[in-house]
Amino acid sequence: MGNFVGYQCSVCGKTFDRDYKGYTCDSCGGNLNVILDYEKIKQTVTPEKIFSSSEKSLWRYLPLLPVEDPGFEGTALHSAGFTPVYKSDKLAQKIGVGKLWIKDEGRNPTASFKDRASSILIARAKEIGAETICTASTGNAGAALAGMAAASQWKAIIFAPKTAPQAKIAQLLVFGAQVILVDGNYDSAFDLSVEACEKYGWYCRNTGYNAFTAEGKKTAAFEIWEQVLSKNASDKPLNIFVSVGDGNIISGIHKGFKDLHELGWLPVMPRIFGVQSEKSAAIFNAWAAHTETITPVSATTIADSISVDLPRDGVRAVRAATETNGAYIAIPDEAIYEGISELGKVGVFAEPAGATAFAGMKKAVAMGIIGQEDDALVVNTGSGLKDVRSAMIAAGQAPVIAPTMEALEAFINKK
């Protein structure tokens, strides 16, 4: 924890030292930002030193993290992050942008972006001696915590809505976590998990609520800086599209870029665009109304990973767009299915939330927000195997024929 000095409330600005035991501000309830000692980092670390690291996970950025390396080398806990970035000239030309990259978070150990936060939270739990770590999840955060806990032999308890996709629930159970399904939505599971953590003394990993979740998610920004920005110098900002539910991924990515900018390592700040389904658009609504006040909605989107009534990191999520000259975009659920299909055509199997970001990028082009002179990067937050039902709706059914050449020829001729 050598470079970790404390916290600052994102709402009222109150500061706390690093020994503060609360999860949120004790004055206003706002989410906390982790404060790093940037001057100390600059004295001991350079971009070249990071880029030359042989570590192929998020732990290559250890000097920029508020935790120590927890060990467990050779396990899933030490494999999260450093996911691939694919360049697609075909899609860029079709959609009408300059260059287009897709960062595929489905390549993480449990196949989603959430492995980043869970890795950091296990490290934090080890440092503070917390024997049990708990979270609420629609599936991905829970699977990530369960997988990282299994790798480190930590005890994990997951609260999830009973409507979560079965593939995600299966992951939780296979990893050996204590799974408690709640007869309600994500927000109900979130509230119950917070109460349970307070009563039983469990360490709460909840997205946004725990400041260290954003510290895990910011590592994606470090990778985009290393994999794309450092190799494609430009005076124009890169346009990054991220799907948004609770708001913690987009706020984490924003925090990562702010860290790099503060260190003097990022000359041009990217523009960050948040994309929500029209059926779960609480943060979009706040941004469109030019306010940071988040009004709950009744979320019904098919993208379960971003289906949230009351986003828990809404204020910082709004700022991720407003402070970078980005924007929020709302899309219909039908566009999500189209996004799954289009990304599949270039070899990326996206879950609905990941396809949401892609659909938002397409809408940004259609609205004239970005165009052929602008470069874009889409974050696919998880693998399509997380929600096979949605994938099948997007792709359609395969034909069935008799096992004969006659039947095959008839099918080919019919096409």
Protein backbone atom coordinates (compact mmCIF):
# COMPACT_ATOMS: atom_id res chain seq x y z
CA MET A 1 0.00 0.00 0.00
CA GLY A 2 3.04 2.25 -0.41
CA ASN A 3 1.42 4.62 -2.94
CA PHE A 4 -2.06 4.59 -1.36
CA VAL A 5 -2.56 7.58 0.94
CA GLY A 6 -6.31 7.85 1.54
CA TYR A 7 -9.73 8.68 0.14
CA GLN A 8 -11.71 11.70 -0.98
CA CYS A 9 -15.49 11.91 -1.21
CA SER A 10 -16.62 12.37 -4.80
CA VAL A 11 -19.57 14.52 -3.68
CA CYS A 12 -18.56 16.80 -0.79
CA GLY A 13 -14.78 16.54 -1.12
CA LYS A 14 -14.11 15.39 2.45
CA THR A 15 -10.84 13.48 2.79
CA PHE A 16 -10.00 10.40 4.86
CA ASP A 17 -6.73 8.68 5.67
CA ARG A 18 -6.08 5.19 4.39
CA ASP A 19 -7.11 3.60 7.70
CA TYR A 20 -10.72 4.76 7.30
CA LYS A 21 -13.03 1.77 7.81
CA GLY A 22 -16.15 3.05 6.08
CA TYR A 23 -17.22 2.29 2.54
CA THR A 24 -18.75 5.69 1.73
CA CYS A 25 -18.44 9.23 3.08
CA ASP A 26 -19.57 9.52 6.70
CA SER A 27 -20.80 13.06 6.07
CA CYS A 28 -22.87 12.87 2.89
CA GLY A 29 -22.85 9.20 1.87
CA GLY A 30 -20.99 9.90 -1.37
CA ASN A 31 -18.75 7.35 -3.06
CA LEU A 32 -15.07 7.59 -2.25
CA ASN A 33 -12.16 8.06 -4.64
CA VAL A 34 -8.85 6.42 -3.77
CA ILE A 35 -5.98 8.92 -3.50
CA LEU A 36 -2.52 7.91 -4.68
CA ASP A 37 0.82 9.59 -4.05
CA TYR A 38 1.49 10.72 -7.62
CA GLU A 39 4.78 12.46 -6.80
CA LYS A 40 6.16 9.30 -5.24
CA ILE A 41 5.06 7.25 -8.26
CA LYS A 42 6.75 9.65 -10.67
CA GLN A 43 10.01 9.31 -8.78
CA THR A 44 10.14 5.54 -9.09
CA VAL A 45 8.12 4.52 -12.16
CA THR A 46 8.14 5.37 -15.87
CA PRO A 47 5.88 4.24 -18.72
CA GLU A 48 8.87 2.45 -20.26
CA LYS A 49 9.35 0.44 -17.09
CA ILE A 50 5.71 -0.65 -17.15
CA PHE A 51 5.72 -1.44 -20.87
CA SER A 52 8.78 -3.65 -20.48
CA SER A 53 7.21 -5.76 -17.74
CA SER A 54 6.95 -9.49 -18.36
CA GLU A 55 3.76 -9.64 -16.28
CA LYS A 56 0.78 -10.28 -18.58
CA SER A 57 -2.08 -9.35 -16.29
CA LEU A 58 -3.40 -6.25 -14.55
CA TRP A 59 -0.65 -6.69 -11.97
CA ARG A 60 1.83 -5.18 -14.46
CA TYR A 61 0.38 -1.85 -13.25
CA LEU A 62 1.06 -2.61 -9.57
CA PRO A 63 2.79 0.76 -8.88
CA LEU A 64 -0.47 2.50 -9.86
CA LEU A 65 -2.66 0.35 -7.61
CA PRO A 66 -3.62 0.87 -3.95
CA VAL A 67 -2.90 -2.75 -2.95
CA GLU A 68 0.09 -5.05 -2.82
CA ASP A 69 0.43 -8.06 -5.09
CA PRO A 70 -1.51 -10.77 -3.20
CA GLY A 71 0.54 -13.59 -4.67
CA PHE A 72 -1.26 -16.69 -5.94
CA GLU A 73 0.87 -16.68 -9.08
CA GLY A 74 -0.21 -19.23 -11.64
CA THR A 75 -3.88 -18.96 -10.65
CA ALA A 76 -6.87 -17.12 -12.10
CA LEU A 77 -6.32 -14.36 -9.56
CA HIS A 78 -3.06 -13.53 -11.31
CA SER A 79 -4.53 -13.81 -14.81
CA ALA A 80 -7.16 -11.06 -14.91
CA GLY A 81 -6.61 -8.16 -17.24
CA PHE A 82 -4.30 -7.41 -20.16
CA THR A 83 -7.09 -8.54 -22.46
CA PRO A 84 -6.64 -8.27 -26.23
CA VAL A 85 -7.56 -5.32 -28.38
CA TYR A 86 -8.67 -6.14 -31.92
CA LYS A 87 -8.55 -3.68 -34.81
CA SER A 88 -11.33 -3.98 -37.37
CA ASP A 89 -10.87 -2.01 -40.59
CA LYS A 90 -13.93 -3.77 -42.03
CA LEU A 91 -16.28 -2.52 -39.34
CA ALA A 92 -14.66 0.91 -39.27
CA GLN A 93 -15.32 1.38 -42.97
CA LYS A 94 -18.84 -0.02 -42.76
CA ILE A 95 -19.85 2.20 -39.85
CA GLY A 96 -18.00 5.33 -40.91
CA VAL A 97 -15.18 5.96 -38.44
CA GLY A 98 -11.43 6.30 -38.87
CA LYS A 99 -9.94 3.42 -36.90
CA LEU A 100 -11.92 1.04 -34.73
CA TRP A 101 -10.68 -1.14 -31.90
CA ILE A 102 -12.62 -3.64 -29.79
CA LYS A 103 -11.29 -4.51 -26.36
CA ASP A 104 -12.53 -7.99 -25.54
CA GLU A 105 -13.06 -8.43 -21.81
CA GLY A 106 -14.64 -11.82 -22.47
CA ARG A 107 -11.07 -13.14 -22.45
CA ASN A 108 -10.74 -12.67 -18.68
CA PRO A 109 -10.59 -15.82 -16.48
CA THR A 110 -14.33 -15.84 -15.69
CA ALA A 111 -15.15 -14.16 -19.03
CA SER A 112 -16.05 -10.65 -17.95
CA PHE A 113 -14.69 -7.22 -17.07
CA LYS A 114 -15.61 -7.81 -13.41
CA ASP A 115 -12.55 -10.01 -12.84
CA ARG A 116 -10.52 -6.82 -12.58
CA ALA A 117 -12.34 -5.49 -9.55
CA SER A 118 -12.60 -8.89 -7.87
CA SER A 119 -8.84 -9.46 -8.15
CA ILE A 120 -8.15 -6.16 -6.41
CA LEU A 121 -10.81 -6.80 -3.76
CA ILE A 122 -9.36 -10.21 -2.88
CA ALA A 123 -5.98 -8.50 -2.46
CA ARG A 124 -7.58 -5.89 -0.22
CA ALA A 125 -9.41 -8.55 1.82
CA LYS A 126 -6.10 -10.30 2.40
CA GLU A 127 -4.44 -7.07 3.55
CA ILE A 128 -7.13 -6.20 6.10
CA GLY A 129 -7.65 -9.78 7.27
CA ALA A 130 -11.23 -10.14 6.08
CA GLU A 131 -12.05 -13.85 6.01
CA THR A 132 -15.34 -13.55 4.10
CA ILE A 133 -16.06 -11.32 1.11
CA CYS A 134 -19.58 -10.71 -0.17
CA THR A 135 -21.23 -9.05 -3.14
CA ALA A 136 -24.54 -8.55 -4.90
CA SER A 137 -24.58 -9.30 -8.60
CA THR A 138 -26.70 -10.05 -11.64
CA GLY A 139 -24.08 -12.66 -12.43
CA ASN A 140 -20.80 -11.28 -13.74
CA ALA A 141 -19.50 -9.59 -10.59
CA GLY A 142 -20.56 -12.61 -8.57
CA ALA A 143 -18.89 -15.05 -10.96
CA ALA A 144 -15.74 -12.94 -10.91
CA LEU A 145 -15.66 -12.87 -7.12
CA ALA A 146 -16.45 -16.57 -6.88
CA GLY A 147 -13.69 -17.44 -9.35
CA MET A 148 -11.07 -15.23 -7.73
CA ALA A 149 -12.08 -16.49 -4.28
CA ALA A 150 -11.75 -20.08 -5.45
CA ALA A 151 -8.28 -19.35 -6.83
CA SER A 152 -7.17 -17.83 -3.52
CA GLN A 153 -9.17 -20.17 -1.25
CA TRP A 154 -11.18 -17.25 0.13
CA LYS A 155 -14.77 -17.56 1.33
CA ALA A 156 -17.26 -15.78 -0.95
CA ILE A 157 -21.00 -15.15 -0.51
CA ILE A 158 -23.01 -13.99 -3.52
CA PHE A 159 -26.52 -12.49 -3.52
CA ALA A 160 -28.10 -12.59 -6.98
CA PRO A 161 -31.61 -12.05 -8.34
CA LYS A 162 -33.27 -15.35 -9.16
CA THR A 163 -33.85 -14.08 -12.72
CA ALA A 164 -30.10 -13.93 -13.51
CA PRO A 165 -29.11 -16.03 -16.56
CA GLN A 166 -28.60 -19.67 -15.67
CA ALA A 167 -25.11 -19.75 -17.21
CA LYS A 168 -24.02 -17.09 -14.75
CA ILE A 169 -25.60 -18.83 -11.77
CA ALA A 170 -23.88 -22.05 -12.84
CA GLN A 171 -20.52 -20.29 -12.70
CA LEU A 172 -21.17 -19.14 -9.14
CA LEU A 173 -22.02 -22.64 -8.02
CA VAL A 174 -19.20 -24.38 -9.86
CA PHE A 175 -16.66 -22.04 -8.25
CA GLY A 176 -17.94 -23.11 -4.86
CA ALA A 177 -19.29 -19.81 -3.57
CA GLN A 178 -22.23 -19.61 -1.19
CA VAL A 179 -24.98 -18.49 -3.56
CA ILE A 180 -28.18 -16.91 -2.25
CA LEU A 181 -30.83 -16.14 -4.87
CA VAL A 182 -33.12 -13.23 -4.03
CA ASP A 183 -36.76 -13.08 -5.10
CA GLY A 184 -36.31 -9.55 -6.42
CA ASN A 185 -34.12 -7.48 -8.72
CA TYR A 186 -30.45 -6.46 -8.49
CA ASP A 187 -31.25 -3.47 -6.30
CA SER A 188 -32.99 -5.74 -3.79
CA ALA A 189 -29.98 -8.06 -3.73
CA PHE A 190 -27.66 -5.06 -3.29
CA ASP A 191 -29.55 -3.67 -0.32
CA LEU A 192 -29.79 -7.07 1.38
CA SER A 193 -26.08 -7.74 0.89
CA VAL A 194 -25.15 -4.41 2.51
CA GLU A 195 -27.34 -5.19 5.52
CA ALA A 196 -25.85 -8.67 5.80
CA CYS A 197 -22.28 -7.36 5.64
CA GLU A 198 -23.02 -4.86 8.39
CA LYS A 199 -24.61 -7.52 10.61
CA TYR A 200 -22.08 -10.32 10.11
CA GLY A 201 -18.89 -8.34 9.54
CA TRP A 202 -18.32 -9.58 5.99
CA TYR A 203 -16.16 -7.50 3.65
CA CYS A 204 -18.47 -5.92 1.07
CA ARG A 205 -17.24 -5.95 -2.53
CA ASN A 206 -20.34 -4.25 -3.94
CA THR A 207 -19.82 -2.33 -7.15
CA GLY A 208 -19.30 1.40 -6.60
CA TYR A 209 -20.05 1.08 -2.90
CA ASN A 210 -16.51 -0.16 -2.27
CA ALA A 211 -13.90 2.35 -3.49
CA PHE A 212 -11.51 -0.41 -4.53
CA THR A 213 -13.86 -1.69 -7.26
CA ALA A 214 -13.08 1.34 -9.43
CA GLU A 215 -9.38 0.79 -8.74
CA GLY A 216 -9.65 -2.63 -10.35
CA LYS A 217 -11.66 -1.40 -13.28
CA LYS A 218 -9.32 1.51 -13.98
CA THR A 219 -6.71 -1.00 -15.13
CA ALA A 220 -8.60 -1.26 -18.44
CA ALA A 221 -7.72 2.40 -19.03
CA PHE A 222 -4.05 1.62 -18.41
CA GLU A 223 -4.22 -1.14 -21.01
CA ILE A 224 -5.95 1.07 -23.58
CA TRP A 225 -3.18 3.62 -22.97
CA GLU A 226 -0.48 1.01 -23.49
CA GLN A 227 -2.09 -1.06 -26.27
CA VAL A 228 -3.62 1.73 -28.36
CA LEU A 229 -2.79 5.28 -27.35
CA SER A 230 0.97 4.82 -26.94
CA LYS A 231 1.16 3.25 -30.42
CA ASN A 232 -1.21 5.59 -32.26
CA ALA A 233 -0.22 9.11 -31.26
CA SER A 234 -2.77 11.71 -32.29
CA ASP A 235 -3.81 15.24 -31.40
CA LYS A 236 -7.43 14.10 -31.58
CA PRO A 237 -8.90 12.20 -28.63
CA LEU A 238 -9.81 8.55 -28.89
CA ASN A 239 -13.57 8.00 -28.50
CA ILE A 240 -14.25 5.19 -26.02
CA PHE A 241 -17.67 3.54 -25.76
CA VAL A 242 -18.67 1.72 -22.59
CA SER A 243 -21.99 0.18 -21.59
CA VAL A 244 -23.33 1.50 -18.29
CA GLY A 245 -25.46 -0.05 -15.56
CA ASP A 246 -24.32 0.75 -12.02
CA GLY A 247 -21.79 3.20 -13.48
CA ASN A 248 -18.67 1.70 -11.91
CA ILE A 249 -16.94 0.49 -15.08
CA ILE A 250 -17.13 3.87 -16.79
CA SER A 251 -16.11 5.71 -13.62
CA GLY A 252 -13.24 3.29 -13.13
CA ILE A 253 -11.99 3.79 -16.68
CA HIS A 254 -12.25 7.54 -16.17
CA LYS A 255 -10.24 7.26 -12.93
CA GLY A 256 -7.52 5.34 -14.76
CA PHE A 257 -7.14 8.01 -17.40
CA LYS A 258 -7.13 10.73 -14.73
CA ASP A 259 -4.32 8.90 -12.92
CA LEU A 260 -2.29 8.79 -16.12
CA HIS A 261 -2.98 12.45 -16.88
CA GLU A 262 -1.98 13.47 -13.35
CA LEU A 263 1.30 11.58 -13.79
CA GLY A 264 1.95 13.45 -17.05
CA TRP A 265 1.86 10.26 -19.09
CA LEU A 266 -1.32 10.99 -21.07
CA PRO A 267 -1.16 14.17 -23.16
CA VAL A 268 -4.63 13.85 -24.74
CA MET A 269 -7.53 12.71 -22.57
CA PRO A 270 -9.92 10.33 -24.43
CA ARG A 271 -13.59 11.18 -24.80
CA ILE A 272 -15.69 8.70 -22.86
CA PHE A 273 -19.20 7.77 -24.00
CA GLY A 274 -21.61 5.89 -21.78
CA VAL A 275 -24.24 3.75 -23.47
CA GLN A 276 -27.44 2.57 -21.82
CA SER A 277 -30.51 0.69 -22.92
CA GLU A 278 -33.59 2.88 -23.17
CA LYS A 279 -35.08 0.36 -20.72
CA SER A 280 -32.43 1.09 -18.06
CA ALA A 281 -31.40 4.69 -18.59
CA ALA A 282 -31.18 6.38 -15.19
CA ILE A 283 -27.71 7.82 -15.82
CA PHE A 284 -28.53 8.85 -19.40
CA ASN A 285 -31.57 10.70 -18.05
CA ALA A 286 -29.44 12.60 -15.52
CA TRP A 287 -26.83 13.51 -18.13
CA ALA A 288 -29.50 14.67 -20.59
CA ALA A 289 -31.04 16.85 -17.88
CA HIS A 290 -27.62 18.35 -17.06
CA THR A 291 -27.75 17.13 -13.48
CA GLU A 292 -25.88 14.72 -11.24
CA THR A 293 -29.06 13.79 -9.41
CA ILE A 294 -29.87 10.18 -10.31
CA THR A 295 -33.58 9.35 -10.36
CA PRO A 296 -34.39 5.62 -10.18
CA VAL A 297 -36.11 3.89 -13.09
CA SER A 298 -37.82 0.53 -13.49
CA ALA A 299 -35.21 -1.35 -15.53
CA THR A 300 -36.38 -4.06 -17.92
CA THR A 301 -33.58 -4.35 -20.50
CA ILE A 302 -32.53 -7.76 -21.82
CA ALA A 303 -28.92 -6.80 -21.03
CA ASP A 304 -28.99 -8.10 -17.47
CA SER A 305 -25.48 -6.85 -16.64
CA ILE A 306 -26.64 -3.24 -17.03
CA SER A 307 -30.24 -3.63 -15.83
CA VAL A 308 -30.26 -1.38 -12.77
CA ASP A 309 -33.03 0.70 -11.23
CA LEU A 310 -30.79 2.90 -9.07
CA PRO A 311 -27.15 3.12 -10.22
CA ARG A 312 -24.82 3.11 -7.21
CA ASP A 313 -22.03 5.02 -8.95
CA GLY A 314 -24.18 7.42 -10.93
CA VAL A 315 -22.52 10.72 -10.02
CA ARG A 316 -19.04 9.63 -11.08
CA ALA A 317 -20.53 7.93 -14.15
CA VAL A 318 -22.09 11.20 -15.31
CA ARG A 319 -18.78 12.98 -14.78
CA ALA A 320 -16.90 10.43 -16.87
CA ALA A 321 -18.74 11.81 -19.90
CA THR A 322 -19.09 15.47 -18.95
CA GLU A 323 -15.45 15.92 -17.85
CA THR A 324 -14.05 14.34 -21.04
CA ASN A 325 -16.35 16.06 -23.56
CA GLY A 326 -18.08 12.72 -24.12
CA ALA A 327 -21.79 11.99 -23.96
CA TYR A 328 -24.44 9.46 -23.02
CA ILE A 329 -26.39 7.55 -25.62
CA ALA A 330 -29.55 5.49 -25.12
CA ILE A 331 -30.43 2.68 -27.52
CA PRO A 332 -33.38 0.31 -27.95
CA ASP A 333 -32.93 -3.32 -26.95
CA GLU A 334 -33.37 -4.38 -30.57
CA ALA A 335 -30.08 -2.65 -31.38
CA ILE A 336 -28.36 -4.81 -28.77
CA TYR A 337 -29.25 -7.99 -30.65
CA GLU A 338 -27.98 -6.42 -33.88
CA GLY A 339 -24.73 -5.55 -32.08
CA ILE A 340 -24.22 -9.14 -30.94
CA SER A 341 -24.59 -10.31 -34.54
CA GLU A 342 -22.30 -7.65 -36.04
CA LEU A 343 -19.52 -8.18 -33.52
CA GLY A 344 -19.75 -11.90 -34.12
CA LYS A 345 -18.99 -11.33 -37.79
CA VAL A 346 -15.51 -10.05 -36.83
CA GLY A 347 -14.81 -12.79 -34.31
CA VAL A 348 -15.99 -11.20 -31.05
CA PHE A 349 -18.67 -13.06 -29.10
CA ALA A 350 -20.24 -10.33 -26.98
CA GLU A 351 -22.72 -10.53 -24.15
CA PRO A 352 -25.67 -8.11 -24.46
CA ALA A 353 -23.96 -5.44 -22.33
CA GLY A 354 -20.88 -5.50 -24.57
CA ALA A 355 -23.01 -5.25 -27.69
CA THR A 356 -24.76 -2.27 -26.10
CA ALA A 357 -21.52 -0.29 -26.26
CA PHE A 358 -21.09 -1.20 -29.93
CA ALA A 359 -24.66 -0.18 -30.75
CA GLY A 360 -24.08 3.12 -28.98
CA MET A 361 -21.00 3.78 -31.08
CA LYS A 362 -23.03 3.19 -34.26
CA LYS A 363 -25.70 5.61 -33.03
CA ALA A 364 -23.04 8.21 -32.26
CA VAL A 365 -21.97 8.03 -35.91
CA ALA A 366 -25.57 8.29 -37.11
CA MET A 367 -26.07 11.35 -34.89
CA GLY A 368 -22.94 13.01 -36.24
CA ILE A 369 -21.19 12.99 -32.86
CA ILE A 370 -18.20 11.15 -34.36
CA GLY A 371 -17.29 10.49 -37.98
CA GLN A 372 -14.67 9.37 -40.47
CA GLU A 373 -11.96 11.58 -38.97
CA ASP A 374 -12.45 10.08 -35.51
CA ASP A 375 -11.03 6.90 -34.01
CA ALA A 376 -13.13 4.76 -31.68
CA LEU A 377 -12.74 1.92 -29.22
CA VAL A 378 -15.58 -0.27 -27.99
CA VAL A 379 -15.32 -2.19 -24.72
CA ASN A 380 -16.98 -5.60 -24.88
CA THR A 381 -17.61 -6.25 -21.20
CA GLY A 382 -18.10 -10.01 -21.34
CA SER A 383 -18.44 -13.23 -23.33
CA GLY A 384 -21.61 -14.12 -25.17
CA LEU A 385 -21.46 -17.51 -23.46
CA LYS A 386 -22.75 -15.69 -20.39
CA ASP A 387 -26.18 -15.37 -22.04
CA VAL A 388 -26.65 -18.00 -24.72
CA ARG A 389 -30.37 -17.28 -24.97
CA SER A 390 -29.72 -13.73 -26.19
CA ALA A 391 -27.02 -14.99 -28.54
CA MET A 392 -29.47 -17.43 -30.13
CA ILE A 393 -32.05 -14.68 -30.58
CA ALA A 394 -29.41 -12.51 -32.26
CA ALA A 395 -28.01 -15.24 -34.50
CA GLY A 396 -31.16 -17.19 -35.32
CA GLN A 397 -31.48 -20.95 -35.68
CA ALA A 398 -29.24 -23.18 -37.76
CA PRO A 399 -30.97 -25.26 -40.46
CA VAL A 400 -31.44 -29.01 -40.02
CA ILE A 401 -31.10 -31.33 -43.02
CA ALA A 402 -31.01 -35.07 -43.63
CA PRO A 403 -27.48 -36.60 -43.68
CA THR A 404 -27.41 -36.97 -47.49
CA MET A 405 -25.82 -35.13 -50.40
CA GLU A 406 -29.25 -34.79 -51.96
CA ALA A 407 -30.51 -32.91 -48.94
CA LEU A 408 -27.38 -30.74 -48.88
CA GLU A 409 -27.72 -29.89 -52.59
CA ALA A 410 -31.39 -29.05 -52.10
CA PHE A 411 -30.47 -26.72 -49.25
CA ILE A 412 -27.68 -25.03 -51.24
CA ASN A 413 -29.89 -24.55 -54.27
CA LYS A 414 -32.66 -23.15 -52.09
CA LYS A 415 -30.29 -20.53 -50.73
